[in-house]
Amino acid sequence: MPGSLWAPFREGNRSEYLAQYFLSALGVSASVPRAEDIGIDFYCALAQQSGDRLTFHSPFAVQVGSFGTKDFRYGGYSKKGVWQKEQLDWLFSQELPLFLSTVDKDTLTFRLYSTSPVWLIRYSFGDVSEVYLIPDATHDPLKESKEEVQEYMGKGGDGARYRIPLGAPIVEMRIDELKTDVVDKARFALSKAASIEMSNLTYRRLSVHFSQWMLDILANDDSAGIKLGQFYAWNTEPGRNTPEQLKAVLPIIVALGHNLKWQKRLDELAQLKGIFSLIPPDEIPDFLKSNLPEIL
């Protein structure tokens, strides 16, 4: 409406302005135009200084919300009773690490959270109906996240809502800390978290249902050590997932086989024969017949 704005909408805009000021201290941050906003507010990369030059690495995406008022919700049902499955498909199909940010305008504080715990729920429960990502929550994700919702039953997904704990923030900064060494510590901490989530995305692309997430998180932790949670998932249906996983592992064992042969580690090379026997013959490259006949 000309001459007016919905007040909560305006406050959300102001949170994004403040978030970008913090993100620009960590590296580069490109704001997504409002007309193109489908869940990502900023595309970013971390900065690294060498002398008078900055280089950039570890690209990631950020969704921002005002502290204490933003629900990071995906799926569920619209007011018309339509299952919003496309929101869940979007969440689980990201190609860059996704972080959530909360901004407290009263204290001028910025917090950034990893979303890596979502894979534990995805691989454990499959076709979920609704997800809430909960910053600062530390409850057990497998035992305490699931809530069956009667009105969701039989309408799409598994009929349950999941409140996924994201734990403590990876980055937490006040505006008066932007000229201190906290910024370098925050960059280092964020690079670790981005690397872990990029690995999760790689495993997802390979149909390997394995994920990791950071435990005992300390904001702006610039120590080299990382304590990780790890999770593997499998399916009891014969033939489920295994063709994709064998196809994904083929380039790895082909490269490994060539290295073992030319390093003359023939006993180890021979052990690959059992793995190659699982690969469908039409998937095995022709050049292996001449390069590595010992394992076919």
Protein backbone atom coordinates (compact mmCIF):
# COMPACT_ATOMS: atom_id res chain seq x y z
CA MET A 1 0.00 0.00 0.00
CA PRO A 2 1.42 3.46 -0.92
CA GLY A 3 2.72 5.37 2.06
CA SER A 4 2.80 2.41 4.51
CA LEU A 5 4.60 -0.83 5.34
CA TRP A 6 3.64 -3.79 7.50
CA ALA A 7 5.71 -3.14 10.66
CA PRO A 8 7.06 -6.72 11.20
CA PHE A 9 8.09 -6.85 7.55
CA ARG A 10 10.02 -3.61 7.94
CA GLU A 11 11.78 -4.92 11.07
CA GLY A 12 12.81 -8.02 9.11
CA ASN A 13 14.32 -5.76 6.46
CA ARG A 14 16.30 -3.89 9.10
CA SER A 15 17.63 -7.19 10.47
CA GLU A 16 18.92 -8.07 7.02
CA TYR A 17 20.69 -4.72 6.71
CA LEU A 18 22.44 -5.29 10.01
CA ALA A 19 23.28 -8.91 9.16
CA GLN A 20 24.97 -7.84 5.96
CA TYR A 21 27.15 -5.39 7.86
CA PHE A 22 28.45 -8.28 9.97
CA LEU A 23 28.77 -10.67 7.01
CA SER A 24 30.76 -8.08 5.07
CA ALA A 25 33.29 -8.08 7.92
CA LEU A 26 33.79 -11.83 7.45
CA GLY A 27 34.18 -11.68 3.67
CA VAL A 28 31.99 -10.76 0.74
CA SER A 29 28.21 -10.81 0.94
CA ALA A 30 25.80 -10.44 -1.96
CA SER A 31 22.22 -9.66 -1.03
CA VAL A 32 19.47 -11.51 -2.88
CA PRO A 33 16.96 -9.01 -4.30
CA ARG A 34 13.60 -9.18 -2.53
CA ALA A 35 11.86 -10.18 -5.77
CA GLU A 36 14.22 -13.18 -6.09
CA ASP A 37 14.16 -14.26 -2.43
CA ILE A 38 13.16 -17.93 -2.20
CA GLY A 39 14.77 -18.63 1.16
CA ILE A 40 18.32 -17.32 0.79
CA ASP A 41 19.03 -13.78 1.90
CA PHE A 42 22.80 -13.66 1.19
CA TYR A 43 25.42 -15.52 -0.80
CA CYS A 44 28.80 -15.15 0.84
CA ALA A 45 32.45 -16.16 0.84
CA LEU A 46 35.03 -15.86 3.60
CA ALA A 47 37.99 -13.51 3.32
CA GLN A 48 41.61 -14.34 4.02
CA GLN A 49 44.22 -11.61 4.19
CA SER A 50 47.77 -11.98 2.88
CA GLY A 51 49.72 -8.73 3.10
CA ASP A 52 47.63 -6.02 1.52
CA ARG A 53 45.49 -8.44 -0.49
CA LEU A 54 42.33 -10.36 0.34
CA THR A 55 41.47 -13.70 -1.19
CA PHE A 56 38.15 -15.49 -0.79
CA HIS A 57 37.13 -19.07 -0.12
CA SER A 58 34.45 -21.30 1.40
CA PRO A 59 31.26 -20.02 -0.28
CA PHE A 60 28.05 -20.37 1.72
CA ALA A 61 24.47 -19.12 1.91
CA VAL A 62 22.65 -17.41 4.77
CA GLN A 63 19.02 -17.02 5.79
CA VAL A 64 18.41 -14.23 8.33
CA GLY A 65 15.79 -13.70 11.01
CA SER A 66 15.19 -11.26 13.84
CA PHE A 67 16.25 -12.67 17.20
CA GLY A 68 13.35 -14.18 19.15
CA THR A 69 10.71 -13.65 16.46
CA LYS A 70 11.74 -15.67 13.40
CA ASP A 71 10.52 -19.23 12.87
CA PHE A 72 12.77 -21.17 10.51
CA ARG A 73 9.98 -23.46 9.27
CA TYR A 74 9.90 -25.71 6.22
CA GLY A 75 7.01 -27.84 5.00
CA GLY A 76 3.84 -28.21 6.99
CA TYR A 77 0.55 -27.04 5.56
CA SER A 78 -0.71 -23.80 4.08
CA LYS A 79 -3.89 -22.10 5.26
CA LYS A 80 -5.63 -23.91 2.39
CA GLY A 81 -4.46 -27.28 3.70
CA VAL A 82 -1.86 -27.90 0.98
CA TRP A 83 1.33 -29.70 2.02
CA GLN A 84 4.27 -27.41 1.30
CA LYS A 85 6.57 -30.20 0.17
CA GLU A 86 8.52 -27.90 -2.13
CA GLN A 87 9.96 -26.14 0.93
CA LEU A 88 11.41 -29.41 2.24
CA ASP A 89 12.72 -30.34 -1.22
CA TRP A 90 14.43 -26.95 -1.30
CA LEU A 91 15.97 -27.38 2.15
CA PHE A 92 17.41 -30.82 1.33
CA SER A 93 18.70 -29.94 -2.14
CA GLN A 94 21.08 -27.07 -1.36
CA GLU A 95 24.40 -27.06 -3.23
CA LEU A 96 26.16 -24.68 -0.81
CA PRO A 97 26.43 -24.86 2.96
CA LEU A 98 23.39 -23.14 4.45
CA PHE A 99 23.66 -21.15 7.68
CA LEU A 100 20.92 -19.46 9.67
CA SER A 101 21.49 -16.07 11.25
CA THR A 102 19.67 -14.26 14.01
CA VAL A 103 20.16 -10.55 14.57
CA ASP A 104 19.38 -8.78 17.84
CA LYS A 105 18.92 -5.13 17.00
CA ASP A 106 18.62 -4.11 20.67
CA THR A 107 22.11 -5.40 21.55
CA LEU A 108 23.55 -5.14 18.02
CA THR A 109 24.51 -8.82 18.13
CA PHE A 110 24.86 -11.23 15.21
CA ARG A 111 24.73 -15.02 15.54
CA LEU A 112 25.28 -17.64 12.83
CA TYR A 113 24.24 -21.30 13.11
CA SER A 114 25.14 -24.41 11.13
CA THR A 115 22.28 -26.46 9.67
CA SER A 116 24.29 -29.71 9.48
CA PRO A 117 22.00 -31.52 12.00
CA VAL A 118 19.21 -31.61 9.39
CA TRP A 119 20.83 -34.62 7.71
CA LEU A 120 20.51 -36.75 10.82
CA ILE A 121 16.74 -36.24 10.69
CA ARG A 122 16.51 -36.61 6.92
CA TYR A 123 18.36 -39.92 6.84
CA SER A 124 16.72 -41.29 9.99
CA PHE A 125 13.09 -40.47 9.24
CA GLY A 126 12.96 -39.98 5.45
CA ASP A 127 9.92 -38.19 4.03
CA VAL A 128 9.22 -35.77 6.88
CA SER A 129 6.12 -33.56 6.88
CA GLU A 130 7.49 -30.46 8.58
CA VAL A 131 10.77 -29.15 9.97
CA TYR A 132 11.60 -26.34 12.37
CA LEU A 133 15.27 -25.43 12.78
CA ILE A 134 15.82 -24.27 16.36
CA PRO A 135 18.87 -22.10 17.12
CA ASP A 136 20.47 -22.66 20.55
CA ALA A 137 18.45 -25.84 21.21
CA THR A 138 20.47 -28.82 22.46
CA HIS A 139 17.89 -31.59 22.94
CA ASP A 140 18.53 -35.09 21.55
CA PRO A 141 17.70 -34.86 17.82
CA LEU A 142 16.71 -38.53 17.45
CA LYS A 143 14.74 -38.99 20.68
CA GLU A 144 13.23 -35.57 21.29
CA SER A 145 12.72 -33.86 17.90
CA LYS A 146 9.74 -35.78 16.55
CA GLU A 147 6.16 -34.73 17.24
CA GLU A 148 3.31 -36.60 15.56
CA VAL A 149 0.62 -34.19 14.36
CA GLN A 150 -2.83 -35.74 14.05
CA GLU A 151 -4.09 -33.33 11.39
CA TYR A 152 -1.04 -34.13 9.21
CA MET A 153 -1.67 -37.88 9.13
CA GLY A 154 -2.25 -39.28 5.65
CA LYS A 155 -1.90 -35.89 3.95
CA GLY A 156 1.73 -36.01 2.90
CA GLY A 157 5.01 -37.08 4.40
CA ASP A 158 5.16 -39.06 7.62
CA GLY A 159 2.64 -36.94 9.52
CA ALA A 160 5.19 -35.56 11.95
CA ARG A 161 6.82 -32.26 12.86
CA TYR A 162 10.54 -32.20 13.70
CA ARG A 163 12.15 -29.53 15.87
CA ILE A 164 15.80 -29.90 14.97
CA PRO A 165 18.31 -28.50 17.48
CA LEU A 166 21.09 -26.44 15.90
CA GLY A 167 23.06 -25.98 19.11
CA ALA A 168 25.14 -22.94 19.93
CA PRO A 169 26.15 -20.40 17.26
CA ILE A 170 29.28 -20.98 15.21
CA VAL A 171 29.77 -17.20 15.13
CA GLU A 172 28.61 -14.63 17.66
CA MET A 173 29.70 -10.99 17.41
CA ARG A 174 28.68 -7.63 18.78
CA ILE A 175 29.13 -4.59 16.63
CA ASP A 176 31.87 -3.22 18.93
CA GLU A 177 33.93 -6.36 18.23
CA LEU A 178 34.24 -5.79 14.48
CA LYS A 179 37.59 -4.03 14.89
CA THR A 180 39.07 -6.78 17.09
CA ASP A 181 40.61 -10.21 16.61
CA VAL A 182 37.14 -11.72 17.13
CA VAL A 183 36.60 -11.32 13.38
CA ASP A 184 39.57 -13.55 12.48
CA LYS A 185 38.45 -16.11 15.04
CA ALA A 186 34.94 -16.05 13.60
CA ARG A 187 36.28 -16.56 10.07
CA PHE A 188 38.27 -19.59 11.18
CA ALA A 189 35.33 -21.11 13.04
CA LEU A 190 33.02 -20.54 10.10
CA SER A 191 35.47 -22.08 7.64
CA LYS A 192 35.48 -25.29 9.72
CA ALA A 193 31.70 -25.42 9.79
CA ALA A 194 31.42 -24.71 6.05
CA SER A 195 33.89 -27.49 5.26
CA ILE A 196 31.92 -30.01 7.32
CA GLU A 197 28.66 -29.09 5.64
CA MET A 198 30.23 -29.18 2.17
CA SER A 199 31.28 -32.76 2.94
CA ASN A 200 27.68 -33.57 3.90
CA LEU A 201 26.47 -32.17 0.58
CA THR A 202 29.06 -34.23 -1.29
CA TYR A 203 27.95 -37.43 0.44
CA ARG A 204 24.32 -36.57 -0.35
CA ARG A 205 25.17 -36.19 -4.05
CA LEU A 206 26.86 -39.60 -3.95
CA SER A 207 23.79 -41.17 -2.28
CA VAL A 208 25.96 -42.06 0.70
CA HIS A 209 23.72 -41.48 3.69
CA PHE A 210 26.41 -40.31 6.07
CA SER A 211 26.57 -36.98 7.85
CA GLN A 212 28.58 -35.10 10.44
CA TRP A 213 27.86 -32.15 12.68
CA MET A 214 29.80 -30.17 15.24
CA LEU A 215 29.48 -31.02 18.93
CA ASP A 216 30.21 -28.86 21.97
CA ILE A 217 30.22 -25.74 19.81
CA LEU A 218 31.97 -22.64 21.08
CA ALA A 219 31.31 -19.41 19.23
CA ASN A 220 34.29 -18.04 17.28
CA ASP A 221 36.36 -21.13 18.12
CA ASP A 222 39.71 -20.77 16.35
CA SER A 223 41.21 -24.01 17.70
CA ALA A 224 42.21 -26.67 15.18
CA GLY A 225 40.36 -29.48 16.94
CA ILE A 226 36.76 -30.36 16.13
CA LYS A 227 34.51 -32.75 18.03
CA LEU A 228 32.03 -34.28 15.60
CA GLY A 229 28.87 -36.29 15.72
CA GLN A 230 28.62 -38.89 12.97
CA PHE A 231 25.67 -40.83 11.59
CA TYR A 232 25.23 -43.59 9.01
CA ALA A 233 21.83 -44.65 7.72
CA TRP A 234 20.77 -47.73 5.75
CA ASN A 235 17.62 -49.24 4.29
CA THR A 236 16.24 -52.75 4.78
CA GLU A 237 14.57 -52.90 1.34
CA PRO A 238 16.69 -55.17 -0.93
CA GLY A 239 18.33 -53.13 -3.70
CA ARG A 240 17.45 -49.75 -2.20
CA ASN A 241 20.26 -47.16 -2.59
CA THR A 242 22.99 -49.70 -3.40
CA PRO A 243 23.09 -49.19 -7.22
CA GLU A 244 23.67 -45.45 -6.74
CA GLN A 245 26.30 -46.06 -4.08
CA LEU A 246 28.20 -48.59 -6.20
CA LYS A 247 28.14 -46.16 -9.12
CA ALA A 248 29.49 -43.42 -6.85
CA VAL A 249 32.33 -45.57 -5.50
CA LEU A 250 33.48 -46.78 -8.95
CA PRO A 251 35.69 -43.76 -9.84
CA ILE A 252 37.31 -43.97 -6.41
CA ILE A 253 38.26 -47.65 -6.65
CA VAL A 254 39.40 -47.23 -10.27
CA ALA A 255 41.77 -44.46 -9.20
CA LEU A 256 42.86 -46.46 -6.16
CA GLY A 257 43.52 -49.53 -8.29
CA HIS A 258 45.75 -47.64 -10.70
CA ASN A 259 47.75 -46.16 -7.83
CA LEU A 260 48.21 -49.54 -6.17
CA LYS A 261 49.33 -51.17 -9.42
CA TRP A 262 51.88 -48.53 -10.36
CA GLN A 263 53.18 -48.43 -6.79
CA LYS A 264 53.59 -52.22 -7.10
CA ARG A 265 51.38 -52.89 -4.07
CA LEU A 266 49.99 -55.99 -5.73
CA ASP A 267 48.68 -57.76 -2.64
CA GLU A 268 46.53 -54.74 -1.81
CA LEU A 269 45.46 -54.46 -5.45
CA ALA A 270 44.22 -58.05 -5.39
CA GLN A 271 41.87 -57.19 -2.52
CA LEU A 272 39.94 -54.84 -4.80
CA LYS A 273 38.73 -57.76 -6.87
CA GLY A 274 35.92 -58.47 -4.43
CA ILE A 275 34.71 -54.88 -4.64
CA PHE A 276 34.81 -54.86 -8.44
CA SER A 277 32.72 -58.04 -8.47
CA LEU A 278 29.82 -55.97 -7.05
CA ILE A 279 29.91 -53.47 -9.93
CA PRO A 280 27.49 -54.25 -12.81
CA PRO A 281 29.60 -55.23 -15.87
CA ASP A 282 28.04 -52.52 -18.05
CA GLU A 283 29.25 -49.86 -15.59
CA ILE A 284 32.92 -50.88 -15.74
CA PRO A 285 34.97 -48.76 -18.21
CA ASP A 286 36.47 -50.68 -21.16
CA PHE A 287 39.98 -49.40 -20.50
CA LEU A 288 40.10 -51.35 -17.23
CA LYS A 289 40.25 -54.60 -19.20
CA SER A 290 43.71 -53.67 -20.42
CA ASN A 291 44.85 -51.48 -17.52
CA LEU A 292 43.76 -53.60 -14.57
CA PRO A 293 42.90 -57.11 -15.80
CA GLU A 294 44.10 -58.51 -12.45
CA ILE A 295 40.99 -57.31 -10.62
CA LEU A 296 38.30 -58.11 -13.20
